Amino acid sequence: MILNDTIVAPATPTGGAIAIVRIEGSGAIALSDSIFRSPRGPIAEMAGYTAAYGIIHDGDRRIDDVILTLFRAPHSYTGGDMVEIACHGSAYIVGEIVRLAVEKGARAASAGEFTKRAFLAGKMDLSQAEAVADIIAADSKASLTMADTQLRGRYSHSLAHLRGELLRLAALLELELDFSEEDVEFADRGELTTLLATIDQQLTSLAASFGTGNAIKRGVAVAIVGAPNVGKSTLLNRIVGEERAMVSDIAGTTRDSIEESVAIDGVRFRFIDTAGLHQTDDRLESMGIERTHKAVEQAQVVVEMFEREGEDFIALGEGQHLVRVINKCDREGTTVPEGWVGISAKYDQGIDGLLKAIRQCVDTNDIMRGEAVVSNSRHYEALIRAREALSQATESLEMGISTDLVAQDIREVLSIIGEITGEVTSTDILTEIFSKFCIGK
């Protein structure tokens, strides 16, 4: 699977003042020498981690003045020879440089191929490679910190520790199989059971972090619910700072969910204005109310609005947080129960206090400390399968089942954990993962 042909791709989007074109592979230096001319002389004579000013040319035709930076194998992002050409941001200039490279023998890179080569060269494991895409997509301090922690290997180190303990267990059990005729035990069964329980706790802890990690990666969903005309749309407009939702005294104005994103103290929240909850025979309103219930089911935080203290409209699920709000507090005689938040959406009063209460629903302490937090669905599913296989191994030990079957269960756990880091993988999995990357990364 090691790829060493020469590839080329723009590494930056069009429209900026400066663009970067990447050329990587065994022929990257020779190819670049054929289209780049510099007072410093040939690229082949340059040291790695150095840059040169010059021109990109097509024979006698000057394409652009550029800065070329050389990264020599194995000290590059991919582990192979790589050249980065910084040119003016014109889409035409970028296209001409890519065209020249292809004419000289390069191949247009596929999505994520540079990072895929870095993974195949052992520059990073698979979970770290996936973190590269997460860093590119990060839209808040928390999501960036989480992705950076994964890229730096904290998550991989946690899994490596678990895998090392399991390998030790497997080795002892395999040794027993080699001496099966002598009826000896190299691994104390009580110690094995205790160790499996400890590993199960660690896997459970990692899996439990997925709820928070995935929510922060996608944006924490906040459903704003309540009766018609309680002020939900006005509140959304106040939070986002623009007239995003239609406001009217007519009940049932909001018939579909409206979503907007806002960053609060380093975390991105997705606020969803929903249709008012009430009894109705109107078919369109009923459809809107059904969508409200679905939004509530999928939300991590539910903001329930009232004009006065009343009964709850909704029932929360596991892991959901509820913030109760009394709106229209500008009215004389309005009281706010203890633990509730009082606001006046119309007059922009109490909004900061409400945002603070919403932010407190999301605990990012582990993320900001650089602890391993799972945000990838593929990793979460693998952890669940690993726990199931580990449970089977524990049950086999407790039932006194033969050593070879226990060893097989532990090997299954090792294989599943290896899928996360890429120690055990397939071409199909790699294709699926890297196809989601942008071209040039």
Protein backbone atom coordinates (compact mmCIF):
# COMPACT_ATOMS: atom_id res chain seq x y z
CA MET A 1 0.00 0.00 0.00
CA ILE A 2 3.04 2.31 0.12
CA LEU A 3 2.61 4.95 -2.57
CA ASN A 4 5.62 6.77 -4.02
CA ASP A 5 4.51 8.15 -7.36
CA THR A 6 4.47 11.93 -7.72
CA ILE A 7 1.25 13.75 -6.89
CA VAL A 8 0.18 17.38 -7.07
CA ALA A 9 -2.69 19.41 -5.64
CA PRO A 10 -3.53 22.92 -4.43
CA ALA A 11 -3.43 23.00 -0.63
CA THR A 12 -5.42 26.21 -0.21
CA PRO A 13 -8.87 27.33 -1.40
CA THR A 14 -9.14 29.82 -4.25
CA GLY A 15 -9.85 33.47 -3.61
CA GLY A 16 -7.04 34.36 -1.20
CA ALA A 17 -4.04 36.61 -1.81
CA ILE A 18 -1.63 33.66 -1.63
CA ALA A 19 -2.10 30.04 -2.67
CA ILE A 20 0.00 26.93 -2.05
CA VAL A 21 0.50 24.04 -4.45
CA ARG A 22 1.98 20.81 -3.10
CA ILE A 23 4.05 18.33 -5.09
CA GLU A 24 5.07 15.08 -3.35
CA GLY A 25 6.70 11.79 -4.28
CA SER A 26 9.87 10.24 -5.61
CA GLY A 27 9.96 12.59 -8.60
CA ALA A 28 8.88 15.77 -6.79
CA ILE A 29 12.31 17.43 -6.79
CA ALA A 30 13.22 16.65 -10.40
CA LEU A 31 9.76 17.70 -11.59
CA SER A 32 9.91 20.98 -9.69
CA ASP A 33 13.35 21.71 -11.14
CA SER A 34 11.85 21.44 -14.61
CA ILE A 35 9.27 24.22 -13.99
CA PHE A 36 11.04 26.42 -11.40
CA ARG A 37 13.97 28.73 -12.00
CA SER A 38 15.82 30.54 -9.20
CA PRO A 39 19.02 32.54 -8.73
CA ARG A 40 19.89 30.01 -6.03
CA GLY A 41 20.26 27.29 -8.61
CA PRO A 42 18.62 23.85 -8.90
CA ILE A 43 16.28 22.59 -6.21
CA ALA A 44 18.22 19.34 -6.14
CA GLU A 45 21.13 21.24 -4.55
CA MET A 46 19.00 22.81 -1.82
CA ALA A 47 18.92 21.51 1.73
CA GLY A 48 15.66 20.43 3.32
CA TYR A 49 13.63 23.01 5.24
CA THR A 50 14.89 25.80 3.00
CA ALA A 51 13.06 28.16 0.66
CA ALA A 52 13.98 29.89 -2.58
CA TYR A 53 12.51 32.77 -4.56
CA GLY A 54 12.09 32.24 -8.28
CA ILE A 55 9.63 31.89 -11.13
CA ILE A 56 7.37 29.15 -12.43
CA HIS A 57 7.81 28.93 -16.19
CA ASP A 58 6.42 27.01 -19.10
CA GLY A 59 9.39 27.11 -21.42
CA ASP A 60 9.88 30.78 -22.27
CA ARG A 61 6.56 31.79 -20.75
CA ARG A 62 6.65 33.20 -17.21
CA ILE A 63 3.71 31.96 -15.10
CA ASP A 64 4.29 33.63 -11.72
CA ASP A 65 6.83 34.77 -9.15
CA VAL A 66 6.79 32.25 -6.30
CA ILE A 67 8.46 31.07 -3.12
CA LEU A 68 9.35 27.37 -3.18
CA THR A 69 9.96 25.45 0.06
CA LEU A 70 11.67 22.05 0.02
CA PHE A 71 11.08 19.22 2.51
CA ARG A 72 13.34 16.22 2.02
CA ALA A 73 12.47 12.64 2.98
CA PRO A 74 12.02 11.41 5.61
CA HIS A 75 11.68 14.77 7.38
CA SER A 76 8.44 15.92 5.81
CA TYR A 77 4.72 15.75 6.54
CA THR A 78 4.33 12.67 4.36
CA GLY A 79 7.74 11.13 4.94
CA GLY A 80 8.63 11.57 1.25
CA ASP A 81 10.21 14.38 -0.76
CA MET A 82 7.75 17.28 -0.88
CA VAL A 83 7.74 20.74 -2.42
CA GLU A 84 5.36 23.55 -1.55
CA ILE A 85 4.99 26.40 -4.04
CA ALA A 86 3.55 29.66 -2.66
CA CYS A 87 2.15 31.68 -5.54
CA HIS A 88 -0.38 34.45 -6.05
CA GLY A 89 -3.93 33.35 -5.27
CA SER A 90 -5.27 33.53 -8.84
CA ALA A 91 -7.24 30.41 -9.72
CA TYR A 92 -5.69 30.63 -13.21
CA ILE A 93 -2.12 30.65 -11.83
CA VAL A 94 -2.84 27.72 -9.53
CA GLY A 95 -4.41 25.81 -12.40
CA GLU A 96 -1.40 26.48 -14.63
CA ILE A 97 1.06 25.20 -11.99
CA VAL A 98 -0.99 22.04 -11.49
CA ARG A 99 -1.28 21.58 -15.28
CA LEU A 100 2.49 21.94 -15.72
CA ALA A 101 3.17 19.40 -12.97
CA VAL A 102 0.76 16.89 -14.54
CA GLU A 103 2.37 17.41 -17.98
CA LYS A 104 5.76 16.66 -16.39
CA GLY A 105 4.51 13.35 -14.99
CA ALA A 106 2.68 14.09 -11.74
CA ARG A 107 -0.76 12.76 -10.93
CA ALA A 108 -3.58 14.86 -9.47
CA ALA A 109 -3.83 13.88 -5.80
CA SER A 110 -7.03 12.36 -4.48
CA ALA A 111 -8.82 13.63 -1.37
CA GLY A 112 -6.64 13.26 1.72
CA GLU A 113 -3.84 11.54 -0.15
CA PHE A 114 -1.02 13.55 1.44
CA THR A 115 -2.23 12.62 4.94
CA LYS A 116 -2.84 9.04 3.81
CA ARG A 117 0.79 8.83 2.74
CA ALA A 118 1.83 10.24 6.12
CA PHE A 119 -0.14 7.45 7.82
CA LEU A 120 1.26 4.73 5.56
CA ALA A 121 4.80 6.03 6.18
CA GLY A 122 4.27 5.77 9.94
CA LYS A 123 4.38 9.52 10.56
CA MET A 124 1.09 9.24 12.47
CA ASP A 125 -1.44 6.56 13.36
CA LEU A 126 -4.95 6.45 11.91
CA SER A 127 -6.65 8.27 14.79
CA GLN A 128 -4.09 11.07 14.47
CA ALA A 129 -4.69 11.25 10.72
CA GLU A 130 -8.43 11.62 11.35
CA ALA A 131 -7.63 14.42 13.79
CA VAL A 132 -6.07 16.39 10.92
CA ALA A 133 -9.49 16.63 9.25
CA ASP A 134 -11.05 17.58 12.59
CA ILE A 135 -8.54 20.41 13.05
CA ILE A 136 -9.37 21.76 9.59
CA ALA A 137 -13.09 21.64 10.43
CA ALA A 138 -12.74 23.00 13.99
CA ASP A 139 -14.97 26.02 14.56
CA SER A 140 -14.49 26.64 18.29
CA LYS A 141 -11.75 26.61 20.92
CA ALA A 142 -13.10 23.39 22.45
CA SER A 143 -13.32 21.48 19.14
CA LEU A 144 -9.82 22.64 18.17
CA THR A 145 -8.36 21.65 21.55
CA MET A 146 -10.01 18.23 21.33
CA ALA A 147 -8.71 17.60 17.81
CA ASP A 148 -5.23 18.88 18.69
CA THR A 149 -5.06 16.55 21.70
CA GLN A 150 -5.88 13.64 19.41
CA LEU A 151 -3.34 14.77 16.81
CA ARG A 152 -0.61 15.05 19.47
CA GLY A 153 -1.18 11.41 20.40
CA ARG A 154 -2.82 11.63 23.84
CA TYR A 155 -5.73 9.48 22.68
CA SER A 156 -3.36 7.06 20.92
CA HIS A 157 -1.23 6.73 24.04
CA SER A 158 -4.30 5.80 26.09
CA LEU A 159 -5.18 3.07 23.60
CA ALA A 160 -1.55 1.93 23.36
CA HIS A 161 -1.45 1.43 27.13
CA LEU A 162 -4.63 -0.68 27.02
CA ARG A 163 -3.31 -2.66 24.08
CA GLY A 164 0.00 -3.27 25.85
CA GLU A 165 -1.76 -4.76 28.88
CA LEU A 166 -3.89 -6.96 26.64
CA LEU A 167 -0.83 -8.13 24.68
CA ARG A 168 0.80 -9.15 27.96
CA LEU A 169 -2.30 -11.18 28.86
CA ALA A 170 -2.45 -12.77 25.44
CA ALA A 171 1.25 -13.69 25.58
CA LEU A 172 0.84 -15.44 28.93
CA LEU A 173 -2.20 -17.37 27.72
CA GLU A 174 -0.46 -18.33 24.47
CA LEU A 175 2.48 -19.58 26.55
CA GLU A 176 0.12 -21.82 28.49
CA LEU A 177 -1.13 -23.28 25.23
CA ASP A 178 2.44 -24.15 24.25
CA PHE A 179 2.77 -26.15 27.49
CA SER A 180 -0.79 -27.47 27.55
CA GLU A 181 0.33 -31.08 28.01
CA GLU A 182 2.12 -30.15 31.25
CA ASP A 183 -1.01 -28.53 32.78
CA VAL A 184 0.70 -25.33 33.98
CA GLU A 185 -0.66 -21.83 34.44
CA PHE A 186 1.58 -18.85 33.69
CA ALA A 187 -1.21 -16.33 34.23
CA ASP A 188 -2.96 -16.11 37.59
CA ARG A 189 -6.70 -16.26 36.86
CA GLY A 190 -7.59 -13.87 39.67
CA GLU A 191 -5.07 -11.33 38.40
CA LEU A 192 -6.40 -11.75 34.87
CA THR A 193 -9.98 -11.10 35.99
CA THR A 194 -8.93 -7.98 37.91
CA LEU A 195 -6.92 -6.67 34.97
CA LEU A 196 -9.79 -7.27 32.55
CA ALA A 197 -12.11 -5.35 34.88
CA THR A 198 -9.64 -2.44 35.02
CA ILE A 199 -9.37 -2.35 31.22
CA ASP A 200 -13.15 -2.50 30.94
CA GLN A 201 -13.42 0.58 33.19
CA GLN A 202 -10.98 2.45 30.96
CA LEU A 203 -12.84 1.47 27.80
CA THR A 204 -16.13 2.46 29.45
CA SER A 205 -14.70 5.85 30.42
CA LEU A 206 -13.49 6.51 26.88
CA ALA A 207 -16.83 5.45 25.38
CA ALA A 208 -18.73 7.61 27.88
CA SER A 209 -16.82 10.69 26.71
CA PHE A 210 -18.30 10.32 23.21
CA GLY A 211 -21.54 12.11 24.08
CA THR A 212 -19.70 15.31 24.99
CA GLY A 213 -16.95 14.92 22.39
CA ASN A 214 -19.29 14.35 19.46
CA ALA A 215 -21.60 17.17 20.55
CA ILE A 216 -18.71 19.64 20.71
CA LYS A 217 -17.37 18.46 17.38
CA ARG A 218 -20.76 18.95 15.67
CA GLY A 219 -21.93 21.84 17.85
CA VAL A 220 -23.98 21.36 21.04
CA ALA A 221 -27.66 21.23 20.08
CA VAL A 222 -29.89 23.55 22.13
CA ALA A 223 -33.66 23.24 21.55
CA ILE A 224 -35.73 26.29 22.51
CA VAL A 225 -39.22 25.04 23.37
CA GLY A 226 -42.41 26.36 24.89
CA ALA A 227 -45.98 27.39 24.13
CA PRO A 228 -46.83 29.61 21.14
CA ASN A 229 -46.01 33.32 21.58
CA VAL A 230 -43.84 32.70 24.65
CA GLY A 231 -40.94 34.50 22.90
CA LYS A 232 -38.84 31.66 21.43
CA SER A 233 -38.19 33.34 18.10
CA THR A 234 -37.43 36.67 19.75
CA LEU A 235 -34.92 34.91 22.01
CA LEU A 236 -33.19 33.25 19.04
CA ASN A 237 -32.90 36.61 17.30
CA ARG A 238 -31.36 38.14 20.44
CA ILE A 239 -28.85 35.32 20.79
CA VAL A 240 -27.64 35.43 17.17
CA GLY A 241 -27.81 39.22 16.98
CA GLU A 242 -30.00 39.44 13.89
CA GLU A 243 -33.59 38.97 12.78
CA ARG A 244 -33.18 35.31 11.89
CA ALA A 245 -36.62 34.05 12.94
CA MET A 246 -39.98 35.63 12.08
CA VAL A 247 -41.67 37.23 15.08
CA SER A 248 -45.44 37.69 15.20
CA ASP A 249 -48.29 37.90 17.71
CA ILE A 250 -50.08 35.26 15.66
CA ALA A 251 -49.85 31.84 17.33
CA GLY A 252 -48.24 29.14 15.22
CA THR A 253 -46.03 31.51 13.16
CA THR A 254 -43.05 29.16 13.57
CA ARG A 255 -43.96 25.90 11.86
CA ASP A 256 -40.49 24.58 11.11
CA SER A 257 -37.28 24.42 13.10
CA ILE A 258 -34.80 27.26 12.52
CA GLU A 259 -31.17 26.68 13.46
CA GLU A 260 -28.31 29.10 14.10
CA SER A 261 -24.83 28.63 15.60
CA VAL A 262 -23.23 30.79 18.29
CA ALA A 263 -19.93 30.34 20.14
CA ILE A 264 -20.13 30.72 23.92
CA ASP A 265 -16.88 30.69 25.90
CA GLY A 266 -15.03 28.50 23.40
CA VAL A 267 -17.89 26.09 22.61
CA ARG A 268 -20.14 26.23 19.55
CA PHE A 269 -23.86 25.83 20.28
CA ARG A 270 -26.53 25.13 17.67
CA PHE A 271 -29.69 26.95 18.79
CA ILE A 272 -32.92 25.54 17.35
CA ASP A 273 -36.11 27.62 17.43
CA THR A 274 -39.03 25.21 17.38
CA ALA A 275 -42.76 25.34 16.76
CA GLY A 276 -44.87 26.13 19.83
CA LEU A 277 -46.19 23.15 21.79
CA HIS A 278 -49.99 23.16 21.97
CA GLN A 279 -53.07 21.21 20.90
CA THR A 280 -54.08 21.93 17.30
CA ASP A 281 -56.08 20.45 14.44
CA ASP A 282 -54.03 22.33 11.85
CA ARG A 283 -52.06 19.78 9.83
CA LEU A 284 -49.08 22.05 9.16
CA GLU A 285 -48.85 23.10 12.81
CA SER A 286 -49.03 19.44 13.84
CA MET A 287 -46.11 18.62 11.54
CA GLY A 288 -44.14 21.47 13.11
CA ILE A 289 -44.89 20.18 16.61
CA GLU A 290 -43.70 16.69 15.61
CA ARG A 291 -40.42 18.23 14.50
CA THR A 292 -40.21 20.04 17.84
CA HIS A 293 -40.36 16.72 19.67
CA LYS A 294 -37.65 15.30 17.40
CA ALA A 295 -35.47 18.36 18.03
CA VAL A 296 -35.90 17.86 21.78
CA GLU A 297 -34.94 14.19 21.52
CA GLN A 298 -31.72 15.06 19.70
CA ALA A 299 -30.75 18.09 21.81
CA GLN A 300 -28.07 18.05 24.50
CA VAL A 301 -29.61 21.13 26.16
CA VAL A 302 -33.30 22.08 26.27
CA VAL A 303 -34.30 25.67 27.02
CA GLU A 304 -37.92 25.56 28.18
CA MET A 305 -39.62 28.95 28.15
CA PHE A 306 -42.63 30.16 30.14
CA GLU A 307 -44.29 33.48 30.84
CA ARG A 308 -44.93 32.25 34.38
CA GLU A 309 -44.10 29.14 36.37
CA GLY A 310 -45.99 26.20 34.93
CA GLU A 311 -45.88 22.51 34.19
CA ASP A 312 -43.16 21.06 31.98
CA PHE A 313 -44.09 20.27 28.40
CA ILE A 314 -41.33 17.74 27.95
CA ALA A 315 -39.56 14.80 29.52
CA LEU A 316 -35.77 14.69 29.28
CA GLY A 317 -33.70 11.68 28.28
CA GLU A 318 -30.44 10.46 29.76
CA GLY A 319 -27.60 12.96 29.47
CA GLN A 320 -29.84 15.89 28.55
CA HIS A 321 -29.81 19.19 30.45
CA LEU A 322 -32.79 21.45 31.11
CA VAL A 323 -32.70 25.23 31.54
CA ARG A 324 -36.05 26.70 32.62
CA VAL A 325 -36.68 30.29 31.60
CA ILE A 326 -39.29 32.88 32.61
CA ASN A 327 -39.61 35.37 29.75
CA LYS A 328 -41.12 38.86 29.76
CA CYS A 329 -39.64 39.68 33.15
CA ASP A 330 -40.06 43.36 32.27
CA ARG A 331 -43.72 42.96 33.23
CA GLU A 332 -44.58 44.17 36.70
CA GLY A 333 -45.18 41.42 39.23
CA THR A 334 -43.29 38.71 37.32
CA THR A 335 -41.47 36.30 39.66
CA VAL A 336 -38.63 33.93 38.82
CA PRO A 337 -38.53 30.64 40.76
CA GLU A 338 -35.27 29.56 42.34
CA GLY A 339 -33.03 27.76 39.86
CA TRP A 340 -34.78 29.33 36.86
CA VAL A 341 -33.48 32.13 34.63
CA GLY A 342 -35.42 35.35 34.18
CA ILE A 343 -35.16 37.25 30.89
CA SER A 344 -36.89 39.75 28.69
CA ALA A 345 -36.12 38.68 25.14
CA LYS A 346 -37.94 41.71 23.75
CA TYR A 347 -35.82 44.20 25.67
CA ASP A 348 -32.58 42.17 25.68
CA GLN A 349 -32.51 41.68 29.44
CA GLY A 350 -30.96 38.66 31.18
CA ILE A 351 -29.63 37.10 27.95
CA ASP A 352 -26.04 36.96 29.22
CA GLY A 353 -27.21 35.10 32.33
CA LEU A 354 -29.11 32.62 30.18
CA LEU A 355 -26.08 31.99 27.93
CA LYS A 356 -23.96 31.41 31.04
CA ALA A 357 -26.49 28.86 32.33
CA ILE A 358 -26.45 27.08 28.95
CA ARG A 359 -22.64 27.05 28.84
CA GLN A 360 -22.52 25.47 32.31
CA CYS A 361 -24.43 22.48 30.94
CA VAL A 362 -21.35 21.42 28.97
CA ASP A 363 -18.33 20.27 30.97
CA THR A 364 -15.18 20.86 28.92
CA ASN A 365 -12.67 20.55 31.76
CA ASP A 366 -11.26 17.25 30.49
CA ILE A 367 -10.96 18.64 26.97
CA MET A 368 -9.19 21.82 28.07
CA ARG A 369 -6.81 19.76 30.24
CA GLY A 370 -5.88 17.71 27.19
CA GLU A 371 -7.51 14.48 28.36
CA ALA A 372 -8.46 11.86 25.76
CA VAL A 373 -12.04 12.47 24.63
CA VAL A 374 -13.77 10.41 21.93
CA SER A 375 -15.48 12.46 19.21
CA ASN A 376 -15.36 10.06 16.26
CA SER A 377 -18.32 7.71 15.64
CA ARG A 378 -16.01 5.03 14.21
CA HIS A 379 -13.93 5.03 17.38
CA TYR A 380 -17.02 4.92 19.60
CA GLU A 381 -18.46 1.93 17.75
CA ALA A 382 -15.11 0.14 18.01
CA LEU A 383 -14.93 0.80 21.76
CA ILE A 384 -18.42 -0.66 22.24
CA ARG A 385 -17.44 -3.78 20.29
CA ALA A 386 -14.20 -4.03 22.29
CA ARG A 387 -16.17 -3.90 25.55
CA GLU A 388 -18.45 -6.68 24.32
CA ALA A 389 -15.48 -8.88 23.42
CA LEU A 390 -13.83 -8.07 26.75
CA SER A 391 -17.02 -9.01 28.58
CA GLN A 392 -16.99 -12.34 26.74
CA ALA A 393 -13.38 -12.94 27.80
CA THR A 394 -14.24 -12.17 31.44
CA GLU A 395 -17.23 -14.50 31.34
CA SER A 396 -15.07 -17.25 29.83
CA LEU A 397 -12.54 -16.86 32.65
CA GLU A 398 -15.21 -16.97 35.35
CA MET A 399 -16.77 -20.08 33.81
CA GLY A 400 -13.41 -21.83 33.58
CA ILE A 401 -13.61 -22.19 29.81
CA SER A 402 -10.50 -23.45 28.04
CA THR A 403 -7.49 -21.16 27.71
CA ASP A 404 -7.55 -21.13 23.91
CA LEU A 405 -11.06 -19.65 23.85
CA VAL A 406 -10.16 -16.98 26.42
CA ALA A 407 -7.08 -16.11 24.37
CA GLN A 408 -9.25 -15.85 21.27
CA ASP A 409 -11.59 -13.37 23.01
CA ILE A 410 -8.63 -11.23 24.06
CA ARG A 411 -7.19 -11.31 20.54
CA GLU A 412 -10.56 -10.01 19.32
CA VAL A 413 -10.30 -7.05 21.71
CA LEU A 414 -6.75 -6.38 20.47
CA SER A 415 -7.93 -6.44 16.88
CA ILE A 416 -10.78 -4.01 17.51
CA ILE A 417 -8.58 -1.51 19.36
CA GLY A 418 -6.07 -1.84 16.52
CA GLU A 419 -8.78 -0.73 14.09
CA ILE A 420 -8.90 2.67 15.82
CA THR A 421 -5.18 3.38 15.52
CA GLY A 422 -4.75 1.65 12.16
CA GLU A 423 -2.60 -1.23 13.38
CA VAL A 424 -5.39 -3.44 12.03
CA THR A 425 -7.22 -2.01 9.04
CA SER A 426 -8.27 -2.57 5.46
CA THR A 427 -8.09 -0.70 2.18
CA ASP A 428 -11.85 -0.12 2.27
CA ILE A 429 -11.64 1.57 5.69
CA LEU A 430 -8.75 3.79 4.59
CA THR A 431 -10.57 4.77 1.40
CA GLU A 432 -13.68 5.70 3.37
CA ILE A 433 -11.76 7.76 5.94
CA PHE A 434 -9.54 9.72 3.56
CA SER A 435 -12.28 10.34 1.00
CA LYS A 436 -13.75 12.80 3.52
CA PHE A 437 -10.60 14.93 3.49
CA CYS A 438 -10.13 17.99 1.29
CA ILE A 439 -7.89 17.83 -1.76
CA GLY A 440 -4.34 18.92 -0.93
CA LYS A 441 -4.38 17.60 2.66
